[in-house]
Amino acid sequence: MGYDDDGSTYCCTSFFALIFSVAIPTSMIIVGSYHIDDCPMEPMIPIFMVVSGVAWIFHTIFTFCFNIWGRWERQKLTKCSMALAILLYVFLFAWNLAGAYWVFKEWDSWDDLDEEKQAIGCHRDTYLFIFSLSIIYWILFPFSCLGFFKKAKDVYEEV
């Protein structure tokens, strides 16, 4: 997708990307909150979902605002925004590293529980949801870093 004469393709693509970028974290918050007490095998999994969802919504809003404000106030926002973005990326990396530990360490045993032992397991949909999102995160993270550092390089070359 590129630019049309009036920018409508770019605007439409950006709108759907923004909706998608908020929908998944929102579902993480909802599912994690709803099943906050349904994962005794690793109580941090639902908490990980809620905190990750909030952090990713903040990340999306920050990125959106940075891109809009950056066009008008590039000089003022550059260093402060980049420092905040780096802190956010470091937090997200560390939090997802901890979350991957909590989620993946339970993979061997979570589905082996018979019905009478389900109370010590984890809610099936909650676990599979965060398990799949964790895999997707670790696949996409290197590309996200490349995009961020390219953007940072472009911003510093303009200043």
N, C-alpha and C. Protein backbone atom coordinates (compact mmCIF):
# COMPACT_ATOMS: atom_id res chain seq x y z
N MET A 1 0.84 -1.17 0.00
CA MET A 1 0.00 0.00 0.00
C MET A 1 0.89 1.23 0.00
N GLY A 2 0.56 2.15 -0.81
CA GLY A 2 1.32 3.38 -0.87
C GLY A 2 0.42 4.57 -0.66
N TYR A 3 0.90 5.68 -1.12
CA TYR A 3 0.14 6.92 -0.99
C TYR A 3 -0.73 7.09 -2.24
N ASP A 4 -1.97 7.49 -2.03
CA ASP A 4 -2.80 7.97 -3.12
C ASP A 4 -2.57 9.46 -3.21
N ASP A 5 -3.18 10.07 -4.22
CA ASP A 5 -3.04 11.52 -4.32
C ASP A 5 -3.55 12.23 -3.08
N ASP A 6 -4.61 11.69 -2.50
CA ASP A 6 -5.17 12.32 -1.30
C ASP A 6 -4.73 11.63 -0.01
N GLY A 7 -3.90 10.62 -0.09
CA GLY A 7 -3.40 9.93 1.10
C GLY A 7 -4.39 8.97 1.72
N SER A 8 -5.48 8.66 1.02
CA SER A 8 -6.53 7.83 1.63
C SER A 8 -6.08 6.40 1.88
N THR A 9 -5.26 5.82 1.01
CA THR A 9 -4.79 4.45 1.23
C THR A 9 -3.92 4.39 2.47
N TYR A 10 -3.03 5.34 2.62
CA TYR A 10 -2.17 5.39 3.80
C TYR A 10 -2.99 5.57 5.06
N CYS A 11 -3.97 6.46 4.99
CA CYS A 11 -4.83 6.73 6.14
C CYS A 11 -5.64 5.49 6.51
N CYS A 12 -6.19 4.82 5.53
CA CYS A 12 -6.98 3.61 5.77
C CYS A 12 -6.12 2.51 6.36
N THR A 13 -4.94 2.31 5.80
CA THR A 13 -4.02 1.29 6.32
C THR A 13 -3.61 1.61 7.74
N SER A 14 -3.29 2.86 8.00
CA SER A 14 -2.90 3.28 9.35
C SER A 14 -4.03 3.09 10.34
N PHE A 15 -5.26 3.39 9.91
CA PHE A 15 -6.41 3.24 10.79
C PHE A 15 -6.60 1.78 11.19
N PHE A 16 -6.54 0.86 10.22
CA PHE A 16 -6.73 -0.55 10.53
C PHE A 16 -5.56 -1.11 11.34
N ALA A 17 -4.36 -0.63 11.08
CA ALA A 17 -3.21 -1.06 11.88
C ALA A 17 -3.37 -0.59 13.33
N LEU A 18 -3.88 0.62 13.51
CA LEU A 18 -4.10 1.15 14.86
C LEU A 18 -5.17 0.33 15.58
N ILE A 19 -6.27 0.02 14.90
CA ILE A 19 -7.33 -0.79 15.50
C ILE A 19 -6.78 -2.16 15.90
N PHE A 20 -6.03 -2.79 15.00
CA PHE A 20 -5.45 -4.11 15.27
C PHE A 20 -4.46 -4.03 16.43
N SER A 21 -3.69 -2.94 16.47
CA SER A 21 -2.68 -2.78 17.53
C SER A 21 -3.30 -2.52 18.89
N VAL A 22 -4.54 -2.11 18.93
CA VAL A 22 -5.23 -1.89 20.20
C VAL A 22 -6.12 -3.08 20.54
N ALA A 23 -6.65 -3.78 19.54
CA ALA A 23 -7.58 -4.89 19.79
C ALA A 23 -6.90 -6.06 20.50
N ILE A 24 -5.73 -6.45 20.07
CA ILE A 24 -5.05 -7.59 20.70
C ILE A 24 -4.65 -7.26 22.14
N PRO A 25 -4.01 -6.12 22.41
CA PRO A 25 -3.71 -5.82 23.82
C PRO A 25 -4.96 -5.68 24.68
N THR A 26 -6.03 -5.14 24.12
CA THR A 26 -7.27 -5.03 24.88
C THR A 26 -7.80 -6.41 25.23
N SER A 27 -7.73 -7.33 24.27
CA SER A 27 -8.18 -8.70 24.56
C SER A 27 -7.27 -9.36 25.60
N MET A 28 -5.99 -9.02 25.60
CA MET A 28 -5.09 -9.55 26.62
C MET A 28 -5.52 -9.07 28.01
N ILE A 29 -5.87 -7.79 28.10
CA ILE A 29 -6.31 -7.23 29.38
C ILE A 29 -7.60 -7.89 29.83
N ILE A 30 -8.54 -8.05 28.92
CA ILE A 30 -9.84 -8.63 29.28
C ILE A 30 -9.69 -10.09 29.70
N VAL A 31 -9.01 -10.89 28.89
CA VAL A 31 -8.86 -12.32 29.20
C VAL A 31 -8.04 -12.50 30.47
N GLY A 32 -6.94 -11.76 30.60
CA GLY A 32 -6.12 -11.87 31.81
C GLY A 32 -6.86 -11.46 33.06
N SER A 33 -7.65 -10.39 32.97
CA SER A 33 -8.42 -9.93 34.13
C SER A 33 -9.52 -10.92 34.50
N TYR A 34 -10.18 -11.46 33.49
CA TYR A 34 -11.28 -12.38 33.74
C TYR A 34 -10.79 -13.67 34.39
N HIS A 35 -9.61 -14.13 34.00
CA HIS A 35 -9.07 -15.39 34.51
C HIS A 35 -7.91 -15.18 35.48
N ILE A 36 -7.93 -14.07 36.19
CA ILE A 36 -6.81 -13.72 37.08
C ILE A 36 -6.57 -14.77 38.15
N ASP A 37 -7.62 -15.47 38.57
CA ASP A 37 -7.48 -16.49 39.60
C ASP A 37 -7.60 -17.91 39.05
N ASP A 38 -7.56 -18.07 37.73
CA ASP A 38 -7.76 -19.38 37.12
C ASP A 38 -6.48 -20.03 36.63
N CYS A 39 -5.36 -19.68 37.22
CA CYS A 39 -4.10 -20.25 36.76
C CYS A 39 -3.17 -20.52 37.94
N PRO A 40 -3.56 -21.46 38.83
CA PRO A 40 -2.72 -21.72 39.99
C PRO A 40 -1.36 -22.34 39.67
N MET A 41 -1.22 -22.97 38.51
CA MET A 41 0.09 -23.55 38.18
C MET A 41 1.14 -22.46 37.99
N GLU A 42 0.72 -21.27 37.54
CA GLU A 42 1.61 -20.12 37.42
C GLU A 42 0.76 -18.86 37.50
N PRO A 43 0.57 -18.33 38.70
CA PRO A 43 -0.31 -17.17 38.89
C PRO A 43 0.14 -15.91 38.14
N MET A 44 1.38 -15.87 37.70
CA MET A 44 1.87 -14.69 36.99
C MET A 44 1.38 -14.62 35.54
N ILE A 45 0.87 -15.70 34.99
CA ILE A 45 0.44 -15.68 33.58
C ILE A 45 -0.68 -14.67 33.34
N PRO A 46 -1.78 -14.68 34.11
CA PRO A 46 -2.80 -13.65 33.88
C PRO A 46 -2.31 -12.23 34.17
N ILE A 47 -1.46 -12.09 35.16
CA ILE A 47 -0.89 -10.77 35.48
C ILE A 47 -0.01 -10.31 34.32
N PHE A 48 0.77 -11.23 33.78
CA PHE A 48 1.60 -10.94 32.61
C PHE A 48 0.73 -10.45 31.45
N MET A 49 -0.42 -11.10 31.26
CA MET A 49 -1.31 -10.69 30.17
C MET A 49 -1.83 -9.27 30.37
N VAL A 50 -2.26 -8.96 31.58
CA VAL A 50 -2.82 -7.63 31.86
C VAL A 50 -1.75 -6.55 31.70
N VAL A 51 -0.60 -6.74 32.30
CA VAL A 51 0.47 -5.73 32.23
C VAL A 51 0.96 -5.58 30.79
N SER A 52 1.09 -6.69 30.08
CA SER A 52 1.51 -6.62 28.67
C SER A 52 0.50 -5.86 27.83
N GLY A 53 -0.77 -6.14 28.05
CA GLY A 53 -1.81 -5.43 27.31
C GLY A 53 -1.77 -3.94 27.54
N VAL A 54 -1.63 -3.53 28.79
CA VAL A 54 -1.55 -2.10 29.11
C VAL A 54 -0.29 -1.49 28.48
N ALA A 55 0.83 -2.19 28.59
CA ALA A 55 2.09 -1.67 28.04
C ALA A 55 2.01 -1.54 26.52
N TRP A 56 1.39 -2.51 25.85
CA TRP A 56 1.29 -2.43 24.39
C TRP A 56 0.33 -1.35 23.93
N ILE A 57 -0.74 -1.11 24.70
CA ILE A 57 -1.63 0.01 24.35
C ILE A 57 -0.88 1.32 24.53
N PHE A 58 -0.12 1.46 25.62
CA PHE A 58 0.69 2.65 25.82
C PHE A 58 1.70 2.81 24.68
N HIS A 59 2.34 1.71 24.29
CA HIS A 59 3.30 1.73 23.19
C HIS A 59 2.64 2.20 21.90
N THR A 60 1.46 1.69 21.61
CA THR A 60 0.75 2.07 20.39
C THR A 60 0.39 3.55 20.40
N ILE A 61 -0.15 4.02 21.51
CA ILE A 61 -0.53 5.43 21.62
C ILE A 61 0.71 6.31 21.53
N PHE A 62 1.78 5.92 22.22
CA PHE A 62 3.02 6.69 22.19
C PHE A 62 3.57 6.77 20.76
N THR A 63 3.60 5.64 20.07
CA THR A 63 4.12 5.62 18.70
C THR A 63 3.27 6.49 17.78
N PHE A 64 1.96 6.37 17.91
CA PHE A 64 1.04 7.17 17.11
C PHE A 64 1.27 8.67 17.36
N CYS A 65 1.32 9.05 18.62
CA CYS A 65 1.53 10.46 18.97
C CYS A 65 2.90 10.95 18.53
N PHE A 66 3.91 10.12 18.72
CA PHE A 66 5.27 10.50 18.32
C PHE A 66 5.32 10.78 16.82
N ASN A 67 4.67 9.93 16.03
CA ASN A 67 4.69 10.12 14.58
C ASN A 67 3.93 11.37 14.16
N ILE A 68 2.84 11.69 14.83
CA ILE A 68 2.08 12.89 14.48
C ILE A 68 2.80 14.15 14.97
N TRP A 69 3.14 14.18 16.26
CA TRP A 69 3.81 15.37 16.81
C TRP A 69 5.18 15.56 16.21
N GLY A 70 5.84 14.48 15.89
CA GLY A 70 7.18 14.56 15.35
C GLY A 70 7.26 15.31 14.04
N ARG A 71 6.16 15.33 13.30
CA ARG A 71 6.16 16.05 12.03
C ARG A 71 6.19 17.57 12.25
N TRP A 72 5.62 18.02 13.37
CA TRP A 72 5.54 19.46 13.62
C TRP A 72 6.64 19.95 14.56
N GLU A 73 6.98 19.16 15.53
CA GLU A 73 7.90 19.60 16.58
C GLU A 73 9.13 18.69 16.66
N ARG A 74 9.68 18.34 15.53
CA ARG A 74 10.78 17.38 15.47
C ARG A 74 11.93 17.76 16.40
N GLN A 75 12.30 19.01 16.41
CA GLN A 75 13.45 19.44 17.22
C GLN A 75 13.23 19.22 18.71
N LYS A 76 12.04 19.56 19.21
CA LYS A 76 11.78 19.50 20.64
C LYS A 76 11.56 18.08 21.14
N LEU A 77 10.93 17.26 20.33
CA LEU A 77 10.53 15.93 20.79
C LEU A 77 11.58 14.85 20.58
N THR A 78 12.51 15.08 19.73
CA THR A 78 13.38 14.01 19.30
C THR A 78 14.09 13.29 20.43
N LYS A 79 14.91 13.97 21.18
CA LYS A 79 15.72 13.29 22.19
C LYS A 79 14.88 12.74 23.33
N CYS A 80 13.92 13.49 23.79
CA CYS A 80 13.05 13.03 24.88
C CYS A 80 12.22 11.83 24.43
N SER A 81 11.66 11.91 23.24
CA SER A 81 10.83 10.82 22.72
C SER A 81 11.65 9.56 22.49
N MET A 82 12.82 9.72 21.94
CA MET A 82 13.67 8.56 21.70
C MET A 82 14.09 7.90 23.02
N ALA A 83 14.41 8.71 24.01
CA ALA A 83 14.78 8.15 25.32
C ALA A 83 13.60 7.39 25.92
N LEU A 84 12.41 7.97 25.83
CA LEU A 84 11.22 7.30 26.34
C LEU A 84 10.93 6.02 25.55
N ALA A 85 11.09 6.08 24.25
CA ALA A 85 10.87 4.89 23.41
C ALA A 85 11.86 3.79 23.75
N ILE A 86 13.11 4.14 23.98
CA ILE A 86 14.11 3.13 24.35
C ILE A 86 13.76 2.50 25.69
N LEU A 87 13.37 3.32 26.67
CA LEU A 87 12.95 2.78 27.97
C LEU A 87 11.75 1.85 27.81
N LEU A 88 10.81 2.23 26.99
CA LEU A 88 9.63 1.40 26.75
C LEU A 88 10.01 0.08 26.10
N TYR A 89 10.88 0.12 25.10
CA TYR A 89 11.33 -1.11 24.45
C TYR A 89 12.09 -2.01 25.42
N VAL A 90 12.92 -1.43 26.26
CA VAL A 90 13.66 -2.23 27.24
C VAL A 90 12.69 -2.88 28.22
N PHE A 91 11.69 -2.11 28.70
CA PHE A 91 10.69 -2.68 29.60
C PHE A 91 9.93 -3.82 28.91
N LEU A 92 9.46 -3.58 27.68
CA LEU A 92 8.70 -4.60 26.98
C LEU A 92 9.54 -5.85 26.74
N PHE A 93 10.80 -5.67 26.40
CA PHE A 93 11.68 -6.82 26.20
C PHE A 93 11.84 -7.61 27.50
N ALA A 94 12.15 -6.91 28.59
CA ALA A 94 12.36 -7.59 29.88
C ALA A 94 11.08 -8.26 30.36
N TRP A 95 9.95 -7.56 30.23
CA TRP A 95 8.68 -8.12 30.69
C TRP A 95 8.29 -9.34 29.86
N ASN A 96 8.51 -9.28 28.54
CA ASN A 96 8.19 -10.43 27.69
C ASN A 96 9.16 -11.57 27.91
N LEU A 97 10.38 -11.27 28.29
CA LEU A 97 11.33 -12.32 28.64
C LEU A 97 10.86 -13.06 29.89
N ALA A 98 10.45 -12.31 30.90
CA ALA A 98 9.90 -12.92 32.11
C ALA A 98 8.62 -13.69 31.79
N GLY A 99 7.75 -13.09 30.98
CA GLY A 99 6.50 -13.76 30.60
C GLY A 99 6.75 -15.04 29.83
N ALA A 100 7.73 -15.03 28.95
CA ALA A 100 8.06 -16.24 28.20
C ALA A 100 8.51 -17.34 29.15
N TYR A 101 9.26 -16.98 30.16
CA TYR A 101 9.67 -17.97 31.17
C TYR A 101 8.44 -18.55 31.86
N TRP A 102 7.53 -17.69 32.32
CA TRP A 102 6.34 -18.16 33.03
C TRP A 102 5.46 -19.03 32.14
N VAL A 103 5.32 -18.65 30.88
CA VAL A 103 4.43 -19.37 29.97
C VAL A 103 5.06 -20.67 29.48
N PHE A 104 6.28 -20.60 28.98
CA PHE A 104 6.88 -21.76 28.33
C PHE A 104 7.32 -22.84 29.31
N LYS A 105 7.62 -22.48 30.55
CA LYS A 105 8.05 -23.50 31.50
C LYS A 105 6.92 -24.45 31.86
N GLU A 106 5.67 -24.04 31.65
CA GLU A 106 4.52 -24.88 31.98
C GLU A 106 4.01 -25.69 30.80
N TRP A 107 4.60 -25.54 29.63
CA TRP A 107 4.08 -26.19 28.43
C TRP A 107 4.00 -27.71 28.56
N ASP A 108 5.00 -28.34 29.14
CA ASP A 108 5.01 -29.80 29.23
C ASP A 108 3.90 -30.36 30.10
N SER A 109 3.47 -29.63 31.09
CA SER A 109 2.54 -30.20 32.06
C SER A 109 1.13 -29.62 32.03
N TRP A 110 0.90 -28.53 31.35
CA TRP A 110 -0.39 -27.86 31.49
C TRP A 110 -1.55 -28.67 30.95
N ASP A 111 -1.36 -29.45 29.89
CA ASP A 111 -2.47 -30.18 29.28
C ASP A 111 -2.57 -31.62 29.76
N ASP A 112 -1.63 -32.06 30.57
CA ASP A 112 -1.63 -33.44 31.06
C ASP A 112 -2.53 -33.64 32.28
N LEU A 113 -3.11 -32.58 32.75
CA LEU A 113 -3.91 -32.67 33.97
C LEU A 113 -5.27 -33.28 33.66
N ASP A 114 -5.65 -34.30 34.43
CA ASP A 114 -6.98 -34.87 34.23
C ASP A 114 -8.02 -33.95 34.87
N GLU A 115 -9.28 -34.28 34.69
CA GLU A 115 -10.35 -33.37 35.12
C GLU A 115 -10.34 -33.07 36.61
N GLU A 116 -9.97 -34.03 37.42
CA GLU A 116 -9.97 -33.77 38.85
C GLU A 116 -8.82 -32.89 39.29
N LYS A 117 -7.79 -32.76 38.45
CA LYS A 117 -6.65 -31.91 38.79
C LYS A 117 -6.66 -30.57 38.04
N GLN A 118 -7.73 -30.29 37.27
CA GLN A 118 -7.79 -29.05 36.51
C GLN A 118 -7.67 -27.81 37.39
N ALA A 119 -8.07 -27.92 38.63
CA ALA A 119 -8.00 -26.77 39.54
C ALA A 119 -6.57 -26.31 39.78
N ILE A 120 -5.60 -27.19 39.57
CA ILE A 120 -4.20 -26.77 39.76
C ILE A 120 -3.54 -26.35 38.46
N GLY A 121 -4.27 -26.43 37.35
CA GLY A 121 -3.72 -26.08 36.05
C GLY A 121 -3.92 -24.61 35.72
N CYS A 122 -4.25 -24.36 34.47
CA CYS A 122 -4.49 -23.00 34.00
C CYS A 122 -5.65 -23.07 33.00
N HIS A 123 -6.48 -22.05 32.96
CA HIS A 123 -7.60 -22.02 32.02
C HIS A 123 -7.06 -22.23 30.61
N ARG A 124 -7.62 -23.19 29.90
CA ARG A 124 -7.09 -23.63 28.60
C ARG A 124 -6.97 -22.47 27.59
N ASP A 125 -8.05 -21.74 27.39
CA ASP A 125 -8.03 -20.66 26.39
C ASP A 125 -7.06 -19.54 26.78
N THR A 126 -7.01 -19.25 28.05
CA THR A 126 -6.09 -18.22 28.53
C THR A 126 -4.65 -18.63 28.23
N TYR A 127 -4.33 -19.87 28.57
CA TYR A 127 -2.96 -20.34 28.38
C TYR A 127 -2.59 -20.40 26.90
N LEU A 128 -3.47 -20.96 26.07
CA LEU A 128 -3.16 -21.06 24.64
C LEU A 128 -3.07 -19.68 23.98
N PHE A 129 -3.90 -18.75 24.43
CA PHE A 129 -3.87 -17.39 23.89
C PHE A 129 -2.52 -16.73 24.16
N ILE A 130 -2.08 -16.76 25.40
CA ILE A 130 -0.82 -16.10 25.73
C ILE A 130 0.37 -16.89 25.19
N PHE A 131 0.25 -18.20 25.10
CA PHE A 131 1.32 -19.02 24.52
C PHE A 131 1.54 -18.62 23.06
N SER A 132 0.44 -18.53 22.30
CA SER A 132 0.57 -18.17 20.88
C SER A 132 1.04 -16.72 20.71
N LEU A 133 0.54 -15.81 21.54
CA LEU A 133 1.00 -14.42 21.44
C LEU A 133 2.47 -14.28 21.80
N SER A 134 2.94 -15.08 22.74
CA SER A 134 4.36 -15.03 23.10
C SER A 134 5.23 -15.49 21.94
N ILE A 135 4.80 -16.53 21.25
CA ILE A 135 5.56 -17.00 20.08
C ILE A 135 5.58 -15.92 19.00
N ILE A 136 4.42 -15.33 18.74
CA ILE A 136 4.34 -14.28 17.72
C ILE A 136 5.23 -13.09 18.11
N TYR A 137 5.22 -12.72 19.40
CA TYR A 137 6.06 -11.61 19.86
C TYR A 137 7.53 -11.89 19.55
N TRP A 138 8.01 -13.07 19.90
CA TRP A 138 9.43 -13.36 19.73
C TRP A 138 9.82 -13.52 18.26
N ILE A 139 8.85 -13.83 17.40
CA ILE A 139 9.13 -13.86 15.97
C ILE A 139 9.22 -12.44 15.42
N LEU A 140 8.32 -11.57 15.85
CA LEU A 140 8.25 -10.21 15.31
C LEU A 140 9.18 -9.21 16.00
N PHE A 141 9.65 -9.50 17.18
CA PHE A 141 10.48 -8.56 17.93
C PHE A 141 11.71 -8.08 17.16
N PRO A 142 12.47 -8.95 16.50
CA PRO A 142 13.64 -8.45 15.77
C PRO A 142 13.26 -7.44 14.68
N PHE A 143 12.15 -7.68 13.99
CA PHE A 143 11.71 -6.74 12.95
C PHE A 143 11.28 -5.41 13.55
N SER A 144 10.65 -5.47 14.70
CA SER A 144 10.25 -4.25 15.41
C SER A 144 11.49 -3.44 15.79
N CYS A 145 12.50 -4.11 16.27
CA CYS A 145 13.75 -3.41 16.64
C CYS A 145 14.40 -2.78 15.41
N LEU A 146 14.43 -3.51 14.31
CA LEU A 146 15.02 -2.95 13.09
C LEU A 146 14.26 -1.71 12.64
N GLY A 147 12.94 -1.76 12.69
CA GLY A 147 12.13 -0.60 12.32
C GLY A 147 12.37 0.58 13.25
N PHE A 148 12.45 0.29 14.54
CA PHE A 148 12.68 1.36 15.52
C PHE A 148 14.04 2.01 15.29
N PHE A 149 15.09 1.21 15.12
CA PHE A 149 16.42 1.79 14.96
C PHE A 149 16.56 2.52 13.63
N LYS A 150 15.86 2.06 12.60
CA LYS A 150 15.86 2.80 11.34
C LYS A 150 15.19 4.15 11.53
N LYS A 151 14.06 4.16 12.23
CA LYS A 151 13.35 5.41 12.50
C LYS A 151 14.23 6.35 13.34
N ALA A 152 14.89 5.81 14.35
CA ALA A 152 15.76 6.62 15.20
C ALA A 152 16.90 7.22 14.38
N LYS A 153 17.47 6.44 13.49
CA LYS A 153 18.55 6.93 12.64
C LYS A 153 18.05 8.05 11.74
N ASP A 154 16.87 7.87 11.14
CA ASP A 154 16.30 8.90 10.28
C ASP A 154 16.03 10.19 11.04
N VAL A 155 15.52 10.06 12.26
CA VAL A 155 15.22 11.24 13.08
C VAL A 155 16.50 11.98 13.42
N TYR A 156 17.54 11.27 13.83
CA TYR A 156 18.79 11.93 14.20
C TYR A 156 19.50 12.54 13.00
N GLU A 157 19.31 11.97 11.82
CA GLU A 157 19.92 12.57 10.63
C GLU A 157 19.23 13.87 10.24
N GLU A 158 17.93 13.98 10.56
CA GLU A 158 17.19 15.20 10.25
C GLU A 158 17.53 16.34 11.20
N VAL A 159 17.92 16.01 12.43
CA VAL A 159 18.15 17.04 13.45
C VAL A 159 19.47 17.70 13.26
